[in-house]
C-alpha atoms as a PDB file:
ATOM      1  CA  UNK A   1      -0.055   0.050  -0.009  1.00  0.00           C
ATOM      2  CA  UNK A   2       1.349   3.473  -0.862  1.00  0.00           C
ATOM      3  CA  UNK A   3       1.694   6.309   1.597  1.00  0.00           C
ATOM      4  CA  UNK A   4      -0.750   8.997   1.342  1.00  0.00           C
ATOM      5  CA  UNK A   5       0.629  12.337   0.040  1.00  0.00           C
ATOM      6  CA  UNK A   6       1.311  14.884   2.795  1.00  0.00           C
ATOM      7  CA  UNK A   7      -0.914  17.952   2.619  1.00  0.00           C
ATOM      8  CA  UNK A   8      -0.429  21.401   3.854  1.00  0.00           C
ATOM      9  CA  UNK A   9      -1.735  21.655   7.489  1.00  0.00           C
ATOM     10  CA  UNK A  10      -4.420  24.037   6.458  1.00  0.00           C
ATOM     11  CA  UNK A  11      -5.605  21.764   3.662  1.00  0.00           C
ATOM     12  CA  UNK A  12      -5.520  18.777   5.848  1.00  0.00           C
ATOM     13  CA  UNK A  13      -7.567  20.570   8.381  1.00  0.00           C
ATOM     14  CA  UNK A  14     -10.329  21.186   5.715  1.00  0.00           C
ATOM     15  CA  UNK A  15      -9.997  17.528   4.701  1.00  0.00           C
ATOM     16  CA  UNK A  16     -10.271  16.131   8.198  1.00  0.00           C
ATOM     17  CA  UNK A  17     -13.083  18.525   9.445  1.00  0.00           C
ATOM     18  CA  UNK A  18     -16.261  17.013  10.387  1.00  0.00           C
ATOM     19  CA  UNK A  19     -19.461  18.542   8.803  1.00  0.00           C
ATOM     20  CA  UNK A  20     -22.543  19.304  10.873  1.00  0.00           C
ATOM     21  CA  UNK A  21     -25.691  17.654   9.443  1.00  0.00           C
ATOM     22  CA  UNK A  22     -26.934  21.060   8.307  1.00  0.00           C
ATOM     23  CA  UNK A  23     -23.745  21.911   6.485  1.00  0.00           C
ATOM     24  CA  UNK A  24     -23.665  18.459   4.745  1.00  0.00           C
ATOM     25  CA  UNK A  25     -27.366  18.999   3.733  1.00  0.00           C
ATOM     26  CA  UNK A  26     -26.545  22.437   2.379  1.00  0.00           C
ATOM     27  CA  UNK A  27     -23.593  21.023   0.358  1.00  0.00           C
ATOM     28  CA  UNK A  28     -25.701  18.252  -0.989  1.00  0.00           C
ATOM     29  CA  UNK A  29     -28.550  20.630  -1.970  1.00  0.00           C
ATOM     30  CA  UNK A  30     -26.078  22.937  -3.639  1.00  0.00           C
ATOM     31  CA  UNK A  31     -24.660  20.119  -5.679  1.00  0.00           C
ATOM     32  CA  UNK A  32     -27.905  18.796  -6.625  1.00  0.00           C
ATOM     33  CA  UNK A  33     -29.029  22.312  -7.801  1.00  0.00           C
ATOM     34  CA  UNK A  34     -25.895  22.562  -9.836  1.00  0.00           C
ATOM     35  CA  UNK A  35     -26.575  19.121 -11.435  1.00  0.00           C
ATOM     36  CA  UNK A  36     -30.088  20.383 -12.281  1.00  0.00           C
ATOM     37  CA  UNK A  37     -28.728  23.515 -13.811  1.00  0.00           C
ATOM     38  CA  UNK A  38     -26.239  21.438 -15.906  1.00  0.00           C
ATOM     39  CA  UNK A  39     -29.030  19.059 -16.981  1.00  0.00           C
ATOM     40  CA  UNK A  40     -31.106  22.208 -17.936  1.00  0.00           C
ATOM     41  CA  UNK A  41     -28.188  23.522 -20.062  1.00  0.00           C
ATOM     42  CA  UNK A  42     -27.862  20.206 -21.813  1.00  0.00           C
ATOM     43  CA  UNK A  43     -31.424  20.256 -22.690  1.00  0.00           C
ATOM     44  CA  UNK A  44     -31.223  23.640 -24.081  1.00  0.00           C
ATOM     45  CA  UNK A  45     -28.062  22.640 -26.236  1.00  0.00           C
ATOM     46  CA  UNK A  46     -29.955  19.521 -27.509  1.00  0.00           C
ATOM     47  CA  UNK A  47     -32.868  21.699 -28.621  1.00  0.00           C
ATOM     48  CA  UNK A  48     -30.610  24.165 -30.177  1.00  0.00           C
ATOM     49  CA  UNK A  49     -28.869  21.441 -32.250  1.00  0.00           C
ATOM     50  CA  UNK A  50     -32.134  19.896 -33.266  1.00  0.00           C
ATOM     51  CA  UNK A  51     -33.547  23.410 -34.348  1.00  0.00           C
ATOM     52  CA  UNK A  52     -30.250  24.447 -35.985  1.00  0.00           C
ATOM     53  CA  UNK A  53     -28.724  20.995 -37.197  1.00  0.00           C
ATOM     54  CA  UNK A  54     -26.044  22.323 -39.432  1.00  0.00           C
ATOM     55  CA  UNK A  55     -23.312  24.771 -39.127  1.00  0.00           C
ATOM     56  CA  UNK A  56     -24.917  26.745 -41.977  1.00  0.00           C
ATOM     57  CA  UNK A  57     -28.123  27.039 -39.831  1.00  0.00           C
ATOM     58  CA  UNK A  58     -26.279  28.022 -36.823  1.00  0.00           C
ATOM     59  CA  UNK A  59     -24.207  30.637 -38.608  1.00  0.00           C
ATOM     60  CA  UNK A  60     -27.387  32.026 -40.034  1.00  0.00           C
ATOM     61  CA  UNK A  61     -28.948  32.137 -36.596  1.00  0.00           C
ATOM     62  CA  UNK A  62     -25.760  33.956 -35.169  1.00  0.00           C
ATOM     63  CA  UNK A  63     -26.043  36.412 -38.014  1.00  0.00           C
ATOM     64  CA  UNK A  64     -29.602  37.204 -37.473  1.00  0.00           C
ATOM     65  CA  UNK A  65     -29.105  37.557 -33.801  1.00  0.00           C
ATOM     66  CA  UNK A  66     -26.072  39.761 -34.060  1.00  0.00           C
ATOM     67  CA  UNK A  67     -27.989  42.034 -36.471  1.00  0.00           C
ATOM     68  CA  UNK A  68     -30.802  42.182 -34.013  1.00  0.00           C
ATOM     69  CA  UNK A  69     -28.533  42.901 -31.047  1.00  0.00           C
ATOM     70  CA  UNK A  70     -26.426  45.612 -32.868  1.00  0.00           C
ATOM     71  CA  UNK A  71     -29.419  47.306 -34.560  1.00  0.00           C
ATOM     72  CA  UNK A  72     -29.700  50.977 -33.315  1.00  0.00           C
ATOM     73  CA  UNK A  73     -32.304  51.670 -30.668  1.00  0.00           C
ATOM     74  CA  UNK A  74     -35.221  53.771 -32.024  1.00  0.00           C
ATOM     75  CA  UNK A  75     -36.960  55.780 -29.500  1.00  0.00           C
ATOM     76  CA  UNK A  76     -40.325  56.876 -30.464  1.00  0.00           C
END
């Protein structure tokens, strides 16, 4: 068995620290929320690739949006 790499004392303190049940729950909830956000982003990417399946389609979309975003604002 190989010996564990020595950590800096401040890092080892973090590694060895016990978490309260509340802190553990907070960290698990944060990780799950992040996972849900990642899954949502993947769904959006999948939709975009289905909607604009070719590079030509995606470039046309980007050009339309760029023209829209850079159009001068007309105040009436």
